[in-house]
Amino acid sequence: VGHAKVNENLGIIGSEMYLKAYGHKLLGVHLHDVKGYTDHFAPGCGELNFDTIAKYLKPETIKIIEVHPKVEKPDLIKGIEFLRGKGIS
């Protein structure tokens, strides 16, 4: 989902357009946050709207957190808690 936001920030296509087009076929996602054109931050540490994303995820959707190795463990734990607070688990 972070890559879609980077595309939006570049002016290519709105990130929710991907979800509207393919959300019904979605089997899994990898989740990370974005700041500008840089991605793979812990969820909740950037500008991604996870409320919008949560609308398209089903309980059976496979969800993988994909962050940069530089992300500190406390930030990753906060990111997991953040996702759970959005109903994404």
PDB file of N, CA and C in Angstrom:
ATOM      1  N   VAL A   1       0.814  -1.203   0.000  1.00  0.00           N
ATOM      2  CA  VAL A   1       0.000   0.000   0.000  1.00  0.00           C
ATOM      3  C   VAL A   1       0.851   1.258   0.000  1.00  0.00           C
ATOM      4  N   GLY A   2       2.048   1.168   0.514  1.00  0.00           N
ATOM      5  CA  GLY A   2       2.937   2.329   0.518  1.00  0.00           C
ATOM      6  C   GLY A   2       3.372   2.720  -0.874  1.00  0.00           C
ATOM      7  N   HIS A   3       3.580   1.750  -1.744  1.00  0.00           N
ATOM      8  CA  HIS A   3       4.012   2.052  -3.109  1.00  0.00           C
ATOM      9  C   HIS A   3       2.914   2.804  -3.856  1.00  0.00           C
ATOM     10  N   ALA A   4       1.652   2.458  -3.579  1.00  0.00           N
ATOM     11  CA  ALA A   4       0.544   3.182  -4.202  1.00  0.00           C
ATOM     12  C   ALA A   4       0.557   4.644  -3.761  1.00  0.00           C
ATOM     13  N   LYS A   5       0.863   4.895  -2.497  1.00  0.00           N
ATOM     14  CA  LYS A   5       0.926   6.267  -1.993  1.00  0.00           C
ATOM     15  C   LYS A   5       2.081   7.027  -2.631  1.00  0.00           C
ATOM     16  N   VAL A   6       3.207   6.383  -2.842  1.00  0.00           N
ATOM     17  CA  VAL A   6       4.334   7.033  -3.520  1.00  0.00           C
ATOM     18  C   VAL A   6       3.913   7.423  -4.936  1.00  0.00           C
ATOM     19  N   ASN A   7       3.207   6.514  -5.639  1.00  0.00           N
ATOM     20  CA  ASN A   7       2.710   6.843  -6.985  1.00  0.00           C
ATOM     21  C   ASN A   7       1.778   8.059  -6.937  1.00  0.00           C
ATOM     22  N   GLU A   8       0.928   8.109  -5.914  1.00  0.00           N
ATOM     23  CA  GLU A   8       0.039   9.265  -5.758  1.00  0.00           C
ATOM     24  C   GLU A   8       0.849  10.537  -5.530  1.00  0.00           C
ATOM     25  N   ASN A   9       1.849  10.457  -4.671  1.00  0.00           N
ATOM     26  CA  ASN A   9       2.683  11.628  -4.393  1.00  0.00           C
ATOM     27  C   ASN A   9       3.443  12.097  -5.628  1.00  0.00           C
ATOM     28  N   LEU A  10       3.729  11.178  -6.528  1.00  0.00           N
ATOM     29  CA  LEU A  10       4.399  11.529  -7.782  1.00  0.00           C
ATOM     30  C   LEU A  10       3.421  12.058  -8.821  1.00  0.00           C
ATOM     31  N   GLY A  11       2.121  12.019  -8.513  1.00  0.00           N
ATOM     32  CA  GLY A  11       1.109  12.509  -9.441  1.00  0.00           C
ATOM     33  C   GLY A  11       0.710  11.500 -10.506  1.00  0.00           C
ATOM     34  N   ILE A  12       1.028  10.222 -10.289  1.00  0.00           N
ATOM     35  CA  ILE A  12       0.741   9.187 -11.290  1.00  0.00           C
ATOM     36  C   ILE A  12      -0.709   8.737 -11.219  1.00  0.00           C
ATOM     37  N   ILE A  13      -1.161   8.309 -10.048  1.00  0.00           N
ATOM     38  CA  ILE A  13      -2.525   7.816  -9.864  1.00  0.00           C
ATOM     39  C   ILE A  13      -2.856   7.871  -8.375  1.00  0.00           C
ATOM     40  N   GLY A  14      -4.093   8.153  -8.049  1.00  0.00           N
ATOM     41  CA  GLY A  14      -4.515   8.191  -6.645  1.00  0.00           C
ATOM     42  C   GLY A  14      -4.428   6.803  -6.028  1.00  0.00           C
ATOM     43  N   SER A  15      -3.926   6.717  -4.809  1.00  0.00           N
ATOM     44  CA  SER A  15      -3.700   5.410  -4.189  1.00  0.00           C
ATOM     45  C   SER A  15      -4.992   4.632  -3.968  1.00  0.00           C
ATOM     46  N   GLU A  16      -6.099   5.309  -3.680  1.00  0.00           N
ATOM     47  CA  GLU A  16      -7.347   4.569  -3.458  1.00  0.00           C
ATOM     48  C   GLU A  16      -7.899   4.009  -4.771  1.00  0.00           C
ATOM     49  N   MET A  17      -7.481   4.551  -5.888  1.00  0.00           N
ATOM     50  CA  MET A  17      -7.951   4.034  -7.184  1.00  0.00           C
ATOM     51  C   MET A  17      -7.547   2.576  -7.366  1.00  0.00           C
ATOM     52  N   TYR A  18      -6.367   2.215  -6.887  1.00  0.00           N
ATOM     53  CA  TYR A  18      -5.941   0.812  -6.945  1.00  0.00           C
ATOM     54  C   TYR A  18      -6.897  -0.064  -6.132  1.00  0.00           C
ATOM     55  N   LEU A  19      -7.232   0.405  -4.948  1.00  0.00           N
ATOM     56  CA  LEU A  19      -8.112  -0.373  -4.077  1.00  0.00           C
ATOM     57  C   LEU A  19      -9.518  -0.471  -4.657  1.00  0.00           C
ATOM     58  N   LYS A  20     -10.005   0.606  -5.239  1.00  0.00           N
ATOM     59  CA  LYS A  20     -11.327   0.574  -5.865  1.00  0.00           C
ATOM     60  C   LYS A  20     -11.352  -0.397  -7.034  1.00  0.00           C
ATOM     61  N   ALA A  21     -10.275  -0.432  -7.789  1.00  0.00           N
ATOM     62  CA  ALA A  21     -10.214  -1.295  -8.970  1.00  0.00           C
ATOM     63  C   ALA A  21      -9.975  -2.763  -8.626  1.00  0.00           C
ATOM     64  N   TYR A  22      -9.134  -3.028  -7.631  1.00  0.00           N
ATOM     65  CA  TYR A  22      -8.698  -4.399  -7.379  1.00  0.00           C
ATOM     66  C   TYR A  22      -9.009  -4.911  -5.979  1.00  0.00           C
ATOM     67  N   GLY A  23      -9.593  -4.081  -5.136  1.00  0.00           N
ATOM     68  CA  GLY A  23      -9.853  -4.470  -3.752  1.00  0.00           C
ATOM     69  C   GLY A  23     -10.658  -5.743  -3.615  1.00  0.00           C
ATOM     70  N   HIS A  24     -11.600  -5.976  -4.517  1.00  0.00           N
ATOM     71  CA  HIS A  24     -12.430  -7.182  -4.439  1.00  0.00           C
ATOM     72  C   HIS A  24     -11.650  -8.451  -4.779  1.00  0.00           C
ATOM     73  N   LYS A  25     -10.470  -8.301  -5.380  1.00  0.00           N
ATOM     74  CA  LYS A  25      -9.624  -9.447  -5.739  1.00  0.00           C
ATOM     75  C   LYS A  25      -8.427  -9.589  -4.802  1.00  0.00           C
ATOM     76  N   LEU A  26      -8.352  -8.735  -3.832  1.00  0.00           N
ATOM     77  CA  LEU A  26      -7.182  -8.647  -2.969  1.00  0.00           C
ATOM     78  C   LEU A  26      -7.026  -9.896  -2.102  1.00  0.00           C
ATOM     79  N   LEU A  27      -5.887 -10.556  -2.231  1.00  0.00           N
ATOM     80  CA  LEU A  27      -5.575 -11.722  -1.403  1.00  0.00           C
ATOM     81  C   LEU A  27      -4.665 -11.346  -0.240  1.00  0.00           C
ATOM     82  N   GLY A  28      -3.786 -10.401  -0.486  1.00  0.00           N
ATOM     83  CA  GLY A  28      -2.846 -10.011   0.546  1.00  0.00           C
ATOM     84  C   GLY A  28      -2.213  -8.663   0.238  1.00  0.00           C
ATOM     85  N   VAL A  29      -1.644  -8.066   1.262  1.00  0.00           N
ATOM     86  CA  VAL A  29      -0.973  -6.775   1.128  1.00  0.00           C
ATOM     87  C   VAL A  29       0.274  -6.764   1.989  1.00  0.00           C
ATOM     88  N   HIS A  30       1.223  -5.947   1.585  1.00  0.00           N
ATOM     89  CA  HIS A  30       2.293  -5.645   2.525  1.00  0.00           C
ATOM     90  C   HIS A  30       2.121  -4.186   2.928  1.00  0.00           C
ATOM     91  N   LEU A  31       2.262  -3.955   4.209  1.00  0.00           N
ATOM     92  CA  LEU A  31       1.923  -2.677   4.812  1.00  0.00           C
ATOM     93  C   LEU A  31       3.173  -1.958   5.305  1.00  0.00           C
ATOM     94  N   HIS A  32       3.277  -0.711   4.929  1.00  0.00           N
ATOM     95  CA  HIS A  32       4.313   0.169   5.456  1.00  0.00           C
ATOM     96  C   HIS A  32       3.877   1.590   5.213  1.00  0.00           C
ATOM     97  N   ASP A  33       4.477   2.518   5.897  1.00  0.00           N
ATOM     98  CA  ASP A  33       4.082   3.918   5.771  1.00  0.00           C
ATOM     99  C   ASP A  33       5.028   4.655   4.827  1.00  0.00           C
ATOM    100  N   VAL A  34       4.642   5.885   4.506  1.00  0.00           N
ATOM    101  CA  VAL A  34       5.330   6.695   3.506  1.00  0.00           C
ATOM    102  C   VAL A  34       5.475   8.118   4.024  1.00  0.00           C
ATOM    103  N   LYS A  35       6.623   8.716   3.708  1.00  0.00           N
ATOM    104  CA  LYS A  35       6.836  10.149   3.935  1.00  0.00           C
ATOM    105  C   LYS A  35       7.351  10.706   2.608  1.00  0.00           C
ATOM    106  N   GLY A  36       6.500  11.422   1.911  1.00  0.00           N
ATOM    107  CA  GLY A  36       6.888  11.970   0.613  1.00  0.00           C
ATOM    108  C   GLY A  36       7.086  10.864  -0.399  1.00  0.00           C
ATOM    109  N   TYR A  37       8.321  10.699  -0.832  1.00  0.00           N
ATOM    110  CA  TYR A  37       8.653   9.670  -1.824  1.00  0.00           C
ATOM    111  C   TYR A  37       9.437   8.517  -1.207  1.00  0.00           C
ATOM    112  N   THR A  38       9.578   8.546   0.103  1.00  0.00           N
ATOM    113  CA  THR A  38      10.330   7.516   0.814  1.00  0.00           C
ATOM    114  C   THR A  38       9.348   6.630   1.551  1.00  0.00           C
ATOM    115  N   ASP A  39       9.560   5.306   1.430  1.00  0.00           N
ATOM    116  CA  ASP A  39       8.606   4.380   2.036  1.00  0.00           C
ATOM    117  C   ASP A  39       9.303   3.379   2.940  1.00  0.00           C
ATOM    118  N   HIS A  40       8.544   2.425   3.406  1.00  0.00           N
ATOM    119  CA  HIS A  40       8.978   1.353   4.301  1.00  0.00           C
ATOM    120  C   HIS A  40       9.226   1.829   5.732  1.00  0.00           C
ATOM    121  N   PHE A  41       8.457   2.862   6.135  1.00  0.00           N
ATOM    122  CA  PHE A  41       8.429   3.286   7.535  1.00  0.00           C
ATOM    123  C   PHE A  41       7.423   2.419   8.279  1.00  0.00           C
ATOM    124  N   ALA A  42       7.537   2.367   9.596  1.00  0.00           N
ATOM    125  CA  ALA A  42       6.563   1.644  10.407  1.00  0.00           C
ATOM    126  C   ALA A  42       5.186   2.284  10.225  1.00  0.00           C
ATOM    127  N   PRO A  43       4.129   1.480  10.170  1.00  0.00           N
ATOM    128  CA  PRO A  43       2.781   2.037  10.049  1.00  0.00           C
ATOM    129  C   PRO A  43       2.502   3.054  11.152  1.00  0.00           C
ATOM    130  N   GLY A  44       1.865   4.160  10.757  1.00  0.00           N
ATOM    131  CA  GLY A  44       1.547   5.214  11.708  1.00  0.00           C
ATOM    132  C   GLY A  44       2.615   6.275  11.837  1.00  0.00           C
ATOM    133  N   CYS A  45       3.743   6.102  11.145  1.00  0.00           N
ATOM    134  CA  CYS A  45       4.851   7.057  11.232  1.00  0.00           C
ATOM    135  C   CYS A  45       4.935   7.981  10.024  1.00  0.00           C
ATOM    136  N   GLY A  46       3.934   7.936   9.160  1.00  0.00           N
ATOM    137  CA  GLY A  46       3.995   8.726   7.940  1.00  0.00           C
ATOM    138  C   GLY A  46       2.648   9.317   7.588  1.00  0.00           C
ATOM    139  N   GLU A  47       2.378   9.387   6.293  1.00  0.00           N
ATOM    140  CA  GLU A  47       1.202  10.100   5.801  1.00  0.00           C
ATOM    141  C   GLU A  47       0.131   9.199   5.194  1.00  0.00           C
ATOM    142  N   LEU A  48       0.307   7.895   5.251  1.00  0.00           N
ATOM    143  CA  LEU A  48      -0.672   6.992   4.660  1.00  0.00           C
ATOM    144  C   LEU A  48      -1.966   6.982   5.462  1.00  0.00           C
ATOM    145  N   ASN A  49      -3.100   6.947   4.779  1.00  0.00           N
ATOM    146  CA  ASN A  49      -4.399   6.914   5.436  1.00  0.00           C
ATOM    147  C   ASN A  49      -4.823   5.450   5.610  1.00  0.00           C
ATOM    148  N   PHE A  50      -4.523   4.884   6.748  1.00  0.00           N
ATOM    149  CA  PHE A  50      -4.833   3.480   6.997  1.00  0.00           C
ATOM    150  C   PHE A  50      -6.326   3.247   7.234  1.00  0.00           C
ATOM    151  N   ASP A  51      -7.093   4.304   7.549  1.00  0.00           N
ATOM    152  CA  ASP A  51      -8.541   4.152   7.668  1.00  0.00           C
ATOM    153  C   ASP A  51      -9.128   3.761   6.311  1.00  0.00           C
ATOM    154  N   THR A  52      -8.645   4.397   5.260  1.00  0.00           N
ATOM    155  CA  THR A  52      -9.111   4.068   3.912  1.00  0.00           C
ATOM    156  C   THR A  52      -8.732   2.647   3.548  1.00  0.00           C
ATOM    157  N   ILE A  53      -7.514   2.265   3.830  1.00  0.00           N
ATOM    158  CA  ILE A  53      -7.036   0.918   3.507  1.00  0.00           C
ATOM    159  C   ILE A  53      -7.844  -0.136   4.248  1.00  0.00           C
ATOM    160  N   ALA A  54      -8.137   0.119   5.510  1.00  0.00           N
ATOM    161  CA  ALA A  54      -8.865  -0.854   6.332  1.00  0.00           C
ATOM    162  C   ALA A  54     -10.213  -1.211   5.732  1.00  0.00           C
ATOM    163  N   LYS A  55     -10.847  -0.273   5.028  1.00  0.00           N
ATOM    164  CA  LYS A  55     -12.158  -0.541   4.421  1.00  0.00           C
ATOM    165  C   LYS A  55     -12.101  -1.655   3.381  1.00  0.00           C
ATOM    166  N   TYR A  56     -10.944  -1.872   2.793  1.00  0.00           N
ATOM    167  CA  TYR A  56     -10.810  -2.840   1.709  1.00  0.00           C
ATOM    168  C   TYR A  56     -10.245  -4.189   2.154  1.00  0.00           C
ATOM    169  N   LEU A  57      -9.812  -4.282   3.402  1.00  0.00           N
ATOM    170  CA  LEU A  57      -9.198  -5.513   3.890  1.00  0.00           C
ATOM    171  C   LEU A  57     -10.223  -6.379   4.597  1.00  0.00           C
ATOM    172  N   LYS A  58     -10.222  -7.643   4.253  1.00  0.00           N
ATOM    173  CA  LYS A  58     -11.107  -8.608   4.909  1.00  0.00           C
ATOM    174  C   LYS A  58     -10.305  -9.322   5.996  1.00  0.00           C
ATOM    175  N   PRO A  59     -10.986  -9.976   6.927  1.00  0.00           N
ATOM    176  CA  PRO A  59     -10.239 -10.723   7.948  1.00  0.00           C
ATOM    177  C   PRO A  59      -9.280 -11.749   7.343  1.00  0.00           C
ATOM    178  N   GLU A  60      -9.657 -12.337   6.218  1.00  0.00           N
ATOM    179  CA  GLU A  60      -8.809 -13.366   5.605  1.00  0.00           C
ATOM    180  C   GLU A  60      -7.715 -12.801   4.701  1.00  0.00           C
ATOM    181  N   THR A  61      -7.701 -11.478   4.484  1.00  0.00           N
ATOM    182  CA  THR A  61      -6.635 -10.878   3.686  1.00  0.00           C
ATOM    183  C   THR A  61      -5.307 -11.076   4.405  1.00  0.00           C
ATOM    184  N   ILE A  62      -4.313 -11.573   3.705  1.00  0.00           N
ATOM    185  CA  ILE A  62      -2.982 -11.762   4.278  1.00  0.00           C
ATOM    186  C   ILE A  62      -2.325 -10.388   4.412  1.00  0.00           C
ATOM    187  N   LYS A  63      -1.826 -10.103   5.595  1.00  0.00           N
ATOM    188  CA  LYS A  63      -1.229  -8.800   5.873  1.00  0.00           C
ATOM    189  C   LYS A  63       0.200  -8.993   6.374  1.00  0.00           C
ATOM    190  N   ILE A  64       1.143  -8.432   5.640  1.00  0.00           N
ATOM    191  CA  ILE A  64       2.560  -8.515   5.983  1.00  0.00           C
ATOM    192  C   ILE A  64       3.077  -7.099   6.220  1.00  0.00           C
ATOM    193  N   ILE A  65       3.748  -6.879   7.330  1.00  0.00           N
ATOM    194  CA  ILE A  65       4.380  -5.586   7.580  1.00  0.00           C
ATOM    195  C   ILE A  65       5.772  -5.641   6.955  1.00  0.00           C
ATOM    196  N   GLU A  66       6.045  -4.685   6.070  1.00  0.00           N
ATOM    197  CA  GLU A  66       7.325  -4.646   5.360  1.00  0.00           C
ATOM    198  C   GLU A  66       7.984  -3.295   5.609  1.00  0.00           C
ATOM    199  N   VAL A  67       8.898  -3.273   6.564  1.00  0.00           N
ATOM    200  CA  VAL A  67       9.574  -2.030   6.908  1.00  0.00           C
ATOM    201  C   VAL A  67      11.065  -2.150   6.600  1.00  0.00           C
ATOM    202  N   HIS A  68      11.698  -1.002   6.499  1.00  0.00           N
ATOM    203  CA  HIS A  68      13.133  -0.932   6.252  1.00  0.00           C
ATOM    204  C   HIS A  68      13.872  -1.488   7.472  1.00  0.00           C
ATOM    205  N   PRO A  69      15.011  -2.150   7.262  1.00  0.00           N
ATOM    206  CA  PRO A  69      15.767  -2.683   8.406  1.00  0.00           C
ATOM    207  C   PRO A  69      16.177  -1.627   9.427  1.00  0.00           C
ATOM    208  N   LYS A  70      16.218  -0.362   9.029  1.00  0.00           N
ATOM    209  CA  LYS A  70      16.596   0.702   9.968  1.00  0.00           C
ATOM    210  C   LYS A  70      15.496   1.047  10.961  1.00  0.00           C
ATOM    211  N   VAL A  71      14.268   0.544  10.727  1.00  0.00           N
ATOM    212  CA  VAL A  71      13.166   0.831  11.653  1.00  0.00           C
ATOM    213  C   VAL A  71      13.479   0.176  12.997  1.00  0.00           C
ATOM    214  N   GLU A  72      13.413   0.957  14.049  1.00  0.00           N
ATOM    215  CA  GLU A  72      13.717   0.471  15.398  1.00  0.00           C
ATOM    216  C   GLU A  72      12.569  -0.398  15.921  1.00  0.00           C
ATOM    217  N   LYS A  73      12.909  -1.368  16.745  1.00  0.00           N
ATOM    218  CA  LYS A  73      11.915  -2.284  17.298  1.00  0.00           C
ATOM    219  C   LYS A  73      10.763  -1.558  18.001  1.00  0.00           C
ATOM    220  N   PRO A  74      11.030  -0.532  18.842  1.00  0.00           N
ATOM    221  CA  PRO A  74       9.904   0.169  19.481  1.00  0.00           C
ATOM    222  C   PRO A  74       8.937   0.797  18.467  1.00  0.00           C
ATOM    223  N   ASP A  75       9.473   1.338  17.359  1.00  0.00           N
ATOM    224  CA  ASP A  75       8.618   1.923  16.327  1.00  0.00           C
ATOM    225  C   ASP A  75       7.795   0.849  15.632  1.00  0.00           C
ATOM    226  N   LEU A  76       8.385  -0.316  15.420  1.00  0.00           N
ATOM    227  CA  LEU A  76       7.655  -1.419  14.810  1.00  0.00           C
ATOM    228  C   LEU A  76       6.526  -1.893  15.726  1.00  0.00           C
ATOM    229  N   ILE A  77       6.804  -2.000  17.014  1.00  0.00           N
ATOM    230  CA  ILE A  77       5.770  -2.401  17.980  1.00  0.00           C
ATOM    231  C   ILE A  77       4.639  -1.377  17.995  1.00  0.00           C
ATOM    232  N   LYS A  78       4.984  -0.076  17.984  1.00  0.00           N
ATOM    233  CA  LYS A  78       3.961   0.970  17.916  1.00  0.00           C
ATOM    234  C   LYS A  78       3.161   0.860  16.619  1.00  0.00           C
ATOM    235  N   GLY A  79       3.842   0.506  15.521  1.00  0.00           N
ATOM    236  CA  GLY A  79       3.174   0.340  14.230  1.00  0.00           C
ATOM    237  C   GLY A  79       2.166  -0.795  14.251  1.00  0.00           C
ATOM    238  N   ILE A  80       2.519  -1.888  14.910  1.00  0.00           N
ATOM    239  CA  ILE A  80       1.596  -3.027  15.036  1.00  0.00           C
ATOM    240  C   ILE A  80       0.386  -2.613  15.867  1.00  0.00           C
ATOM    241  N   GLU A  81       0.626  -1.915  16.957  1.00  0.00           N
ATOM    242  CA  GLU A  81      -0.473  -1.427  17.799  1.00  0.00           C
ATOM    243  C   GLU A  81      -1.346  -0.439  17.027  1.00  0.00           C
ATOM    244  N   PHE A  82      -0.721   0.405  16.239  1.00  0.00           N
ATOM    245  CA  PHE A  82      -1.441   1.370  15.411  1.00  0.00           C
ATOM    246  C   PHE A  82      -2.378   0.649  14.440  1.00  0.00           C
ATOM    247  N   LEU A  83      -1.867  -0.385  13.759  1.00  0.00           N
ATOM    248  CA  LEU A  83      -2.694  -1.137  12.821  1.00  0.00           C
ATOM    249  C   LEU A  83      -3.855  -1.804  13.524  1.00  0.00           C
ATOM    250  N   ARG A  84      -3.594  -2.409  14.669  1.00  0.00           N
ATOM    251  CA  ARG A  84      -4.667  -3.042  15.434  1.00  0.00           C
ATOM    252  C   ARG A  84      -5.741  -2.019  15.812  1.00  0.00           C
ATOM    253  N   GLY A  85      -5.317  -0.813  16.152  1.00  0.00           N
ATOM    254  CA  GLY A  85      -6.262   0.246  16.481  1.00  0.00           C
ATOM    255  C   GLY A  85      -7.122   0.663  15.304  1.00  0.00           C
ATOM    256  N   LYS A  86      -6.633   0.419  14.107  1.00  0.00           N
ATOM    257  CA  LYS A  86      -7.383   0.707  12.880  1.00  0.00           C
ATOM    258  C   LYS A  86      -8.204  -0.485  12.424  1.00  0.00           C
ATOM    259  N   GLY A  87      -8.148  -1.571  13.206  1.00  0.00           N
ATOM    260  CA  GLY A  87      -8.887  -2.772  12.829  1.00  0.00           C
ATOM    261  C   GLY A  87      -8.160  -3.644  11.817  1.00  0.00           C
ATOM    262  N   ILE A  88      -6.876  -3.397  11.658  1.00  0.00           N
ATOM    263  CA  ILE A  88      -6.059  -4.182  10.722  1.00  0.00           C
ATOM    264  C   ILE A  88      -5.173  -5.112  11.539  1.00  0.00           C
ATOM    265  N   SER A  89      -5.478  -6.390  11.503  1.00  0.00           N
ATOM    266  CA  SER A  89      -4.641  -7.349  12.245  1.00  0.00           C
ATOM    267  C   SER A  89      -4.643  -8.689  11.549  1.00  0.00           C
TER     268      SER A  89
END
